[in-house]
Amino acid sequence: MQAADWDFPNPHVVTLEVVATDIDAYDHVNNAVYLSWFDRVAWSHSAALGISLEECVRIRRGMAAHRTEIDYQRAAVQGDRVVVGTWIVGTDAKLRVERRFQVRRAPDGETLARARTDYVCINLDSGRAARMPEAFSRAYVVERAAGHFNQ
């Protein structure tokens, strides 16, 4: 799989195996599973940026999904190995972060799905929007590398 085939440069990537519980009545990965994959790679990326789940709970702040759009392009089936990449593509460094996601079949690099999610920082006690802690605004930055977006 070539780096140039990713929608943006330098994705944070997790590799996953499609298992029987991911499959629906149409014999392909259920659409809800993609959401769990996006959640998994987003948490992995956040942890790599220094924002772990434990830290969010400790400081009582977190990034909550506000809106998600998914474009499904090809089906994944049981036994497939997929790679899920994510990037921070937008932030106001106060309240909002936008992530993009790309799901690719590992052996041939075929893009299976693309998504974007808008996140809002929330107070974990009240559930209301809250200004990002400084650690979040330092971690959730847009990488300013030359790239392209194929959506």
N, C-alpha and C. Protein backbone atom coordinates (compact mmCIF):
# COMPACT_ATOMS: atom_id res chain seq x y z
N MET A 1 0.85 -1.17 0.00
CA MET A 1 0.00 0.00 0.00
C MET A 1 0.90 1.23 0.00
N GLN A 2 0.61 2.15 -0.88
CA GLN A 2 1.45 3.32 -1.05
C GLN A 2 0.92 4.49 -0.23
N ALA A 3 1.85 5.28 0.33
CA ALA A 3 1.46 6.45 1.12
C ALA A 3 0.66 7.43 0.29
N ALA A 4 0.97 7.54 -1.00
CA ALA A 4 0.28 8.49 -1.87
C ALA A 4 -1.19 8.13 -2.06
N ASP A 5 -1.56 6.89 -1.74
CA ASP A 5 -2.94 6.48 -1.92
C ASP A 5 -3.85 6.87 -0.75
N TRP A 6 -3.25 7.39 0.32
CA TRP A 6 -4.06 7.91 1.42
C TRP A 6 -4.57 9.29 1.02
N ASP A 7 -5.72 9.65 1.55
CA ASP A 7 -6.31 10.94 1.22
C ASP A 7 -5.48 12.12 1.71
N PHE A 8 -4.81 11.94 2.82
CA PHE A 8 -3.94 12.96 3.40
C PHE A 8 -2.62 12.28 3.78
N PRO A 9 -1.56 13.05 3.92
CA PRO A 9 -0.28 12.44 4.31
C PRO A 9 -0.27 12.05 5.79
N ASN A 10 0.59 11.12 6.11
CA ASN A 10 0.89 10.72 7.49
C ASN A 10 -0.33 10.35 8.33
N PRO A 11 -1.12 9.38 7.88
CA PRO A 11 -2.27 8.99 8.70
C PRO A 11 -1.83 8.28 9.98
N HIS A 12 -2.65 8.39 11.01
CA HIS A 12 -2.52 7.51 12.16
C HIS A 12 -3.35 6.29 11.79
N VAL A 13 -2.78 5.09 11.87
CA VAL A 13 -3.41 3.90 11.32
C VAL A 13 -3.52 2.80 12.37
N VAL A 14 -4.65 2.10 12.34
CA VAL A 14 -4.79 0.84 13.06
C VAL A 14 -5.19 -0.22 12.02
N THR A 15 -4.72 -1.43 12.25
CA THR A 15 -5.04 -2.56 11.37
C THR A 15 -6.00 -3.47 12.11
N LEU A 16 -7.05 -3.89 11.42
CA LEU A 16 -8.10 -4.70 12.04
C LEU A 16 -8.44 -5.89 11.16
N GLU A 17 -8.89 -6.95 11.77
CA GLU A 17 -9.37 -8.12 11.05
C GLU A 17 -10.90 -8.14 11.13
N VAL A 18 -11.56 -8.39 10.02
CA VAL A 18 -13.01 -8.51 10.00
C VAL A 18 -13.37 -9.89 10.56
N VAL A 19 -14.17 -9.89 11.61
CA VAL A 19 -14.56 -11.13 12.28
C VAL A 19 -16.06 -11.39 12.07
N ALA A 20 -16.50 -12.58 12.42
CA ALA A 20 -17.87 -13.00 12.17
C ALA A 20 -18.90 -12.05 12.77
N THR A 21 -18.63 -11.50 13.96
CA THR A 21 -19.61 -10.60 14.60
C THR A 21 -19.72 -9.26 13.88
N ASP A 22 -18.80 -8.95 12.96
CA ASP A 22 -18.87 -7.71 12.16
C ASP A 22 -19.83 -7.84 10.98
N ILE A 23 -20.22 -9.06 10.65
CA ILE A 23 -20.96 -9.35 9.41
C ILE A 23 -22.46 -9.29 9.65
N ASP A 24 -23.17 -8.71 8.67
CA ASP A 24 -24.63 -8.62 8.78
C ASP A 24 -25.31 -9.64 7.86
N ALA A 25 -26.61 -9.53 7.71
CA ALA A 25 -27.39 -10.49 6.92
C ALA A 25 -27.04 -10.46 5.44
N TYR A 26 -26.38 -9.39 4.99
CA TYR A 26 -25.98 -9.30 3.58
C TYR A 26 -24.57 -9.86 3.36
N ASP A 27 -24.01 -10.48 4.38
CA ASP A 27 -22.68 -11.10 4.32
C ASP A 27 -21.54 -10.10 4.09
N HIS A 28 -21.73 -8.87 4.57
CA HIS A 28 -20.63 -7.91 4.57
C HIS A 28 -20.63 -7.16 5.91
N VAL A 29 -19.59 -6.36 6.13
CA VAL A 29 -19.47 -5.64 7.39
C VAL A 29 -20.65 -4.68 7.55
N ASN A 30 -21.30 -4.77 8.69
CA ASN A 30 -22.43 -3.90 9.00
C ASN A 30 -21.96 -2.46 9.13
N ASN A 31 -22.78 -1.53 8.68
CA ASN A 31 -22.39 -0.11 8.71
C ASN A 31 -22.05 0.39 10.11
N ALA A 32 -22.68 -0.14 11.13
CA ALA A 32 -22.39 0.30 12.50
C ALA A 32 -20.98 -0.08 12.93
N VAL A 33 -20.43 -1.13 12.36
CA VAL A 33 -19.08 -1.56 12.69
C VAL A 33 -18.07 -0.51 12.27
N TYR A 34 -18.31 0.14 11.14
CA TYR A 34 -17.40 1.19 10.69
C TYR A 34 -17.29 2.29 11.75
N LEU A 35 -18.40 2.64 12.37
CA LEU A 35 -18.37 3.65 13.44
C LEU A 35 -17.47 3.21 14.59
N SER A 36 -17.54 1.92 14.94
CA SER A 36 -16.68 1.44 16.02
C SER A 36 -15.21 1.47 15.59
N TRP A 37 -14.94 1.21 14.31
CA TRP A 37 -13.57 1.31 13.82
C TRP A 37 -13.07 2.75 13.89
N PHE A 38 -13.92 3.70 13.51
CA PHE A 38 -13.52 5.11 13.58
C PHE A 38 -13.24 5.51 15.02
N ASP A 39 -14.09 5.04 15.92
CA ASP A 39 -13.89 5.33 17.34
C ASP A 39 -12.56 4.75 17.83
N ARG A 40 -12.28 3.53 17.42
CA ARG A 40 -11.04 2.87 17.85
C ARG A 40 -9.81 3.62 17.36
N VAL A 41 -9.78 4.00 16.09
CA VAL A 41 -8.60 4.70 15.55
C VAL A 41 -8.51 6.11 16.13
N ALA A 42 -9.64 6.76 16.37
CA ALA A 42 -9.61 8.11 16.97
C ALA A 42 -9.02 8.05 18.38
N TRP A 43 -9.44 7.07 19.18
CA TRP A 43 -8.88 6.93 20.53
C TRP A 43 -7.40 6.59 20.48
N SER A 44 -7.01 5.72 19.55
CA SER A 44 -5.60 5.37 19.40
C SER A 44 -4.79 6.61 19.04
N HIS A 45 -5.31 7.41 18.12
CA HIS A 45 -4.61 8.63 17.71
C HIS A 45 -4.54 9.63 18.86
N SER A 46 -5.64 9.81 19.56
CA SER A 46 -5.64 10.74 20.69
C SER A 46 -4.62 10.32 21.74
N ALA A 47 -4.57 9.03 22.04
CA ALA A 47 -3.59 8.53 23.01
C ALA A 47 -2.17 8.80 22.52
N ALA A 48 -1.92 8.60 21.22
CA ALA A 48 -0.60 8.87 20.65
C ALA A 48 -0.24 10.35 20.74
N LEU A 49 -1.27 11.20 20.75
CA LEU A 49 -1.07 12.65 20.88
C LEU A 49 -0.97 13.09 22.34
N GLY A 50 -1.12 12.14 23.27
CA GLY A 50 -1.00 12.46 24.69
C GLY A 50 -2.32 12.68 25.40
N ILE A 51 -3.43 12.40 24.72
CA ILE A 51 -4.76 12.57 25.32
C ILE A 51 -5.40 11.19 25.46
N SER A 52 -5.12 10.52 26.57
CA SER A 52 -5.67 9.19 26.80
C SER A 52 -7.07 9.28 27.39
N LEU A 53 -7.79 8.18 27.33
CA LEU A 53 -9.10 8.10 27.96
C LEU A 53 -8.99 8.40 29.45
N GLU A 54 -7.97 7.87 30.08
CA GLU A 54 -7.78 8.08 31.52
C GLU A 54 -7.58 9.57 31.83
N GLU A 55 -6.83 10.26 30.97
CA GLU A 55 -6.62 11.70 31.17
C GLU A 55 -7.92 12.47 31.01
N CYS A 56 -8.72 12.10 30.01
CA CYS A 56 -10.02 12.76 29.81
C CYS A 56 -10.90 12.60 31.05
N VAL A 57 -10.94 11.39 31.58
CA VAL A 57 -11.75 11.13 32.78
C VAL A 57 -11.20 11.93 33.96
N ARG A 58 -9.88 11.97 34.09
CA ARG A 58 -9.26 12.69 35.21
C ARG A 58 -9.60 14.18 35.17
N ILE A 59 -9.53 14.81 33.99
CA ILE A 59 -9.77 16.25 33.90
C ILE A 59 -11.23 16.58 33.59
N ARG A 60 -12.05 15.53 33.41
CA ARG A 60 -13.50 15.68 33.19
C ARG A 60 -13.83 16.45 31.92
N ARG A 61 -13.01 16.25 30.88
CA ARG A 61 -13.25 16.84 29.56
C ARG A 61 -13.03 15.77 28.50
N GLY A 62 -13.77 15.86 27.40
CA GLY A 62 -13.60 14.90 26.31
C GLY A 62 -14.14 15.47 25.02
N MET A 63 -13.78 14.82 23.94
CA MET A 63 -14.28 15.20 22.62
C MET A 63 -15.41 14.25 22.26
N ALA A 64 -16.59 14.79 22.05
CA ALA A 64 -17.76 13.98 21.72
C ALA A 64 -18.15 14.20 20.27
N ALA A 65 -18.50 13.11 19.59
CA ALA A 65 -18.93 13.21 18.20
C ALA A 65 -20.22 14.04 18.13
N HIS A 66 -20.21 15.00 17.25
CA HIS A 66 -21.38 15.87 17.03
C HIS A 66 -22.10 15.46 15.74
N ARG A 67 -21.33 15.16 14.70
CA ARG A 67 -21.90 14.79 13.41
C ARG A 67 -20.90 13.89 12.68
N THR A 68 -21.40 12.84 12.06
CA THR A 68 -20.58 11.95 11.26
C THR A 68 -21.23 11.73 9.91
N GLU A 69 -20.43 11.79 8.87
CA GLU A 69 -20.87 11.46 7.51
C GLU A 69 -19.96 10.35 6.99
N ILE A 70 -20.56 9.30 6.44
CA ILE A 70 -19.79 8.17 5.93
C ILE A 70 -20.18 7.91 4.48
N ASP A 71 -19.18 7.74 3.63
CA ASP A 71 -19.39 7.30 2.26
C ASP A 71 -18.83 5.89 2.14
N TYR A 72 -19.73 4.94 1.92
CA TYR A 72 -19.32 3.54 1.75
C TYR A 72 -19.06 3.32 0.27
N GLN A 73 -17.90 2.76 -0.07
CA GLN A 73 -17.55 2.59 -1.47
C GLN A 73 -17.44 1.14 -1.91
N ARG A 74 -16.93 0.29 -1.04
CA ARG A 74 -16.80 -1.13 -1.32
C ARG A 74 -17.10 -1.88 -0.03
N ALA A 75 -17.53 -3.12 -0.17
CA ALA A 75 -17.86 -3.92 1.01
C ALA A 75 -16.62 -4.63 1.54
N ALA A 76 -16.54 -4.71 2.86
CA ALA A 76 -15.56 -5.57 3.52
C ALA A 76 -16.30 -6.83 3.93
N VAL A 77 -15.59 -7.96 3.90
CA VAL A 77 -16.21 -9.24 4.21
C VAL A 77 -15.37 -9.97 5.26
N GLN A 78 -15.97 -11.01 5.83
CA GLN A 78 -15.27 -11.76 6.87
C GLN A 78 -13.92 -12.24 6.36
N GLY A 79 -12.91 -12.08 7.22
CA GLY A 79 -11.55 -12.49 6.88
C GLY A 79 -10.71 -11.39 6.29
N ASP A 80 -11.34 -10.29 5.84
CA ASP A 80 -10.56 -9.16 5.32
C ASP A 80 -9.71 -8.56 6.43
N ARG A 81 -8.56 -8.09 6.05
CA ARG A 81 -7.72 -7.27 6.94
C ARG A 81 -7.85 -5.85 6.40
N VAL A 82 -8.23 -4.93 7.29
CA VAL A 82 -8.42 -3.54 6.87
C VAL A 82 -7.50 -2.63 7.68
N VAL A 83 -7.15 -1.52 7.07
CA VAL A 83 -6.40 -0.48 7.77
C VAL A 83 -7.29 0.75 7.81
N VAL A 84 -7.37 1.36 8.97
CA VAL A 84 -8.21 2.54 9.17
C VAL A 84 -7.28 3.69 9.54
N GLY A 85 -7.29 4.73 8.71
CA GLY A 85 -6.46 5.89 8.95
C GLY A 85 -7.29 7.08 9.38
N THR A 86 -6.68 7.97 10.17
CA THR A 86 -7.37 9.19 10.60
C THR A 86 -6.41 10.36 10.61
N TRP A 87 -7.00 11.54 10.47
CA TRP A 87 -6.26 12.81 10.50
C TRP A 87 -7.12 13.87 11.17
N ILE A 88 -6.45 14.81 11.82
CA ILE A 88 -7.11 16.03 12.27
C ILE A 88 -7.01 16.99 11.08
N VAL A 89 -8.13 17.42 10.54
CA VAL A 89 -8.10 18.31 9.37
C VAL A 89 -8.62 19.71 9.68
N GLY A 90 -9.19 19.89 10.86
CA GLY A 90 -9.68 21.21 11.22
C GLY A 90 -9.86 21.33 12.72
N THR A 91 -9.62 22.52 13.23
CA THR A 91 -9.85 22.81 14.64
C THR A 91 -9.96 24.30 14.83
N ASP A 92 -10.76 24.71 15.78
CA ASP A 92 -10.78 26.13 16.16
C ASP A 92 -9.97 26.35 17.43
N ALA A 93 -9.37 25.27 17.97
CA ALA A 93 -8.53 25.29 19.18
C ALA A 93 -9.28 25.80 20.40
N LYS A 94 -10.59 25.82 20.33
CA LYS A 94 -11.41 26.28 21.45
C LYS A 94 -12.48 25.25 21.82
N LEU A 95 -13.18 24.75 20.79
CA LEU A 95 -14.34 23.90 21.04
C LEU A 95 -14.44 22.72 20.08
N ARG A 96 -14.05 22.92 18.83
CA ARG A 96 -14.32 21.95 17.77
C ARG A 96 -13.06 21.36 17.13
N VAL A 97 -13.20 20.10 16.71
CA VAL A 97 -12.17 19.40 15.96
C VAL A 97 -12.87 18.61 14.86
N GLU A 98 -12.29 18.61 13.67
CA GLU A 98 -12.79 17.78 12.58
C GLU A 98 -11.75 16.72 12.25
N ARG A 99 -12.20 15.47 12.21
CA ARG A 99 -11.37 14.34 11.80
C ARG A 99 -11.88 13.79 10.48
N ARG A 100 -10.96 13.28 9.69
CA ARG A 100 -11.32 12.49 8.51
C ARG A 100 -10.81 11.07 8.75
N PHE A 101 -11.49 10.13 8.10
CA PHE A 101 -11.16 8.72 8.21
C PHE A 101 -11.15 8.11 6.81
N GLN A 102 -10.31 7.11 6.64
CA GLN A 102 -10.29 6.33 5.41
C GLN A 102 -10.07 4.87 5.79
N VAL A 103 -10.90 3.99 5.25
CA VAL A 103 -10.78 2.56 5.49
C VAL A 103 -10.32 1.92 4.19
N ARG A 104 -9.23 1.14 4.29
CA ARG A 104 -8.69 0.48 3.10
C ARG A 104 -8.50 -1.00 3.37
N ARG A 105 -8.71 -1.81 2.34
CA ARG A 105 -8.42 -3.24 2.44
C ARG A 105 -6.91 -3.37 2.36
N ALA A 106 -6.30 -4.05 3.33
CA ALA A 106 -4.84 -4.08 3.43
C ALA A 106 -4.15 -4.73 2.23
N PRO A 107 -4.58 -5.88 1.75
CA PRO A 107 -3.81 -6.52 0.69
C PRO A 107 -3.70 -5.72 -0.61
N ASP A 108 -4.80 -5.06 -1.01
CA ASP A 108 -4.76 -4.37 -2.31
C ASP A 108 -4.87 -2.85 -2.20
N GLY A 109 -5.08 -2.31 -0.98
CA GLY A 109 -5.14 -0.87 -0.80
C GLY A 109 -6.43 -0.22 -1.24
N GLU A 110 -7.39 -1.01 -1.66
CA GLU A 110 -8.68 -0.47 -2.13
C GLU A 110 -9.37 0.30 -1.00
N THR A 111 -9.85 1.50 -1.30
CA THR A 111 -10.60 2.28 -0.32
C THR A 111 -12.01 1.72 -0.21
N LEU A 112 -12.40 1.39 1.01
CA LEU A 112 -13.72 0.82 1.27
C LEU A 112 -14.71 1.87 1.76
N ALA A 113 -14.20 2.85 2.51
CA ALA A 113 -15.08 3.89 3.05
C ALA A 113 -14.25 5.12 3.41
N ARG A 114 -14.93 6.26 3.40
CA ARG A 114 -14.36 7.52 3.86
C ARG A 114 -15.40 8.16 4.79
N ALA A 115 -14.91 8.89 5.78
CA ALA A 115 -15.84 9.54 6.70
C ALA A 115 -15.22 10.81 7.25
N ARG A 116 -16.09 11.65 7.78
CA ARG A 116 -15.66 12.82 8.54
C ARG A 116 -16.54 12.88 9.77
N THR A 117 -15.92 13.28 10.86
CA THR A 117 -16.66 13.48 12.10
C THR A 117 -16.26 14.82 12.68
N ASP A 118 -17.28 15.58 13.07
CA ASP A 118 -17.07 16.83 13.80
C ASP A 118 -17.25 16.51 15.28
N TYR A 119 -16.25 16.90 16.08
CA TYR A 119 -16.27 16.69 17.52
C TYR A 119 -16.39 18.02 18.23
N VAL A 120 -17.00 17.97 19.41
CA VAL A 120 -17.13 19.13 20.27
C VAL A 120 -16.58 18.74 21.64
N CYS A 121 -15.80 19.61 22.23
CA CYS A 121 -15.30 19.37 23.58
C CYS A 121 -16.46 19.52 24.56
N ILE A 122 -16.56 18.56 25.47
CA ILE A 122 -17.63 18.61 26.45
C ILE A 122 -17.08 18.45 27.87
N ASN A 123 -17.84 18.95 28.81
CA ASN A 123 -17.63 18.72 30.23
C ASN A 123 -18.27 17.36 30.53
N LEU A 124 -17.50 16.42 31.03
CA LEU A 124 -18.02 15.07 31.25
C LEU A 124 -19.03 15.01 32.39
N ASP A 125 -19.06 16.01 33.26
CA ASP A 125 -20.03 16.02 34.35
C ASP A 125 -21.39 16.54 33.89
N SER A 126 -21.39 17.60 33.09
CA SER A 126 -22.66 18.21 32.66
C SER A 126 -23.12 17.73 31.28
N GLY A 127 -22.17 17.23 30.47
CA GLY A 127 -22.50 16.85 29.09
C GLY A 127 -22.61 18.05 28.16
N ARG A 128 -22.34 19.23 28.67
CA ARG A 128 -22.44 20.45 27.87
C ARG A 128 -21.09 20.79 27.23
N ALA A 129 -21.19 21.55 26.14
CA ALA A 129 -19.97 22.02 25.47
C ALA A 129 -19.13 22.84 26.46
N ALA A 130 -17.80 22.67 26.34
CA ALA A 130 -16.87 23.38 27.22
C ALA A 130 -15.60 23.68 26.43
N ARG A 131 -14.97 24.77 26.79
CA ARG A 131 -13.72 25.14 26.13
C ARG A 131 -12.68 24.02 26.30
N MET A 132 -11.91 23.79 25.23
CA MET A 132 -10.86 22.76 25.28
C MET A 132 -9.82 23.11 26.33
N PRO A 133 -9.38 22.12 27.08
CA PRO A 133 -8.21 22.34 27.93
C PRO A 133 -6.99 22.62 27.04
N GLU A 134 -6.01 23.27 27.59
CA GLU A 134 -4.81 23.62 26.82
C GLU A 134 -4.16 22.37 26.22
N ALA A 135 -4.16 21.27 26.94
CA ALA A 135 -3.56 20.03 26.42
C ALA A 135 -4.25 19.59 25.13
N PHE A 136 -5.56 19.78 25.03
CA PHE A 136 -6.29 19.41 23.82
C PHE A 136 -5.91 20.33 22.67
N SER A 137 -5.91 21.63 22.92
CA SER A 137 -5.62 22.57 21.83
C SER A 137 -4.18 22.42 21.33
N ARG A 138 -3.27 21.98 22.21
CA ARG A 138 -1.89 21.72 21.78
C ARG A 138 -1.79 20.42 20.98
N ALA A 139 -2.59 19.42 21.35
CA ALA A 139 -2.51 18.10 20.72
C ALA A 139 -3.29 18.02 19.41
N TYR A 140 -4.47 18.59 19.38
CA TYR A 140 -5.34 18.47 18.21
C TYR A 140 -5.07 19.60 17.23
N VAL A 141 -4.01 19.43 16.47
CA VAL A 141 -3.62 20.44 15.49
C VAL A 141 -3.66 19.83 14.10
N VAL A 142 -3.83 20.66 13.11
CA VAL A 142 -3.85 20.24 11.72
C VAL A 142 -2.41 20.17 11.22
N GLU A 143 -2.05 19.02 10.68
CA GLU A 143 -0.72 18.90 10.09
C GLU A 143 -0.73 19.65 8.77
N ARG A 144 0.16 20.57 8.62
CA ARG A 144 0.20 21.44 7.43
C ARG A 144 1.10 20.88 6.34
N ALA A 145 0.91 19.61 6.00
CA ALA A 145 1.70 19.00 4.92
C ALA A 145 0.90 19.06 3.62
N ALA A 146 1.61 19.10 2.53
CA ALA A 146 0.95 19.10 1.24
C ALA A 146 0.29 17.74 1.03
N GLY A 147 -0.95 17.75 0.69
CA GLY A 147 -1.65 16.50 0.47
C GLY A 147 -2.82 16.73 -0.44
N HIS A 148 -3.63 15.73 -0.57
CA HIS A 148 -4.83 15.83 -1.39
C HIS A 148 -5.96 15.11 -0.68
N PHE A 149 -7.15 15.39 -1.13
CA PHE A 149 -8.32 14.71 -0.57
C PHE A 149 -9.16 14.23 -1.74
N ASN A 150 -9.40 12.94 -1.78
CA ASN A 150 -10.05 12.32 -2.93
C ASN A 150 -11.54 12.09 -2.74
N GLN A 151 -12.21 12.85 -1.95
CA GLN A 151 -13.63 12.54 -1.73
C GLN A 151 -14.50 13.30 -2.68
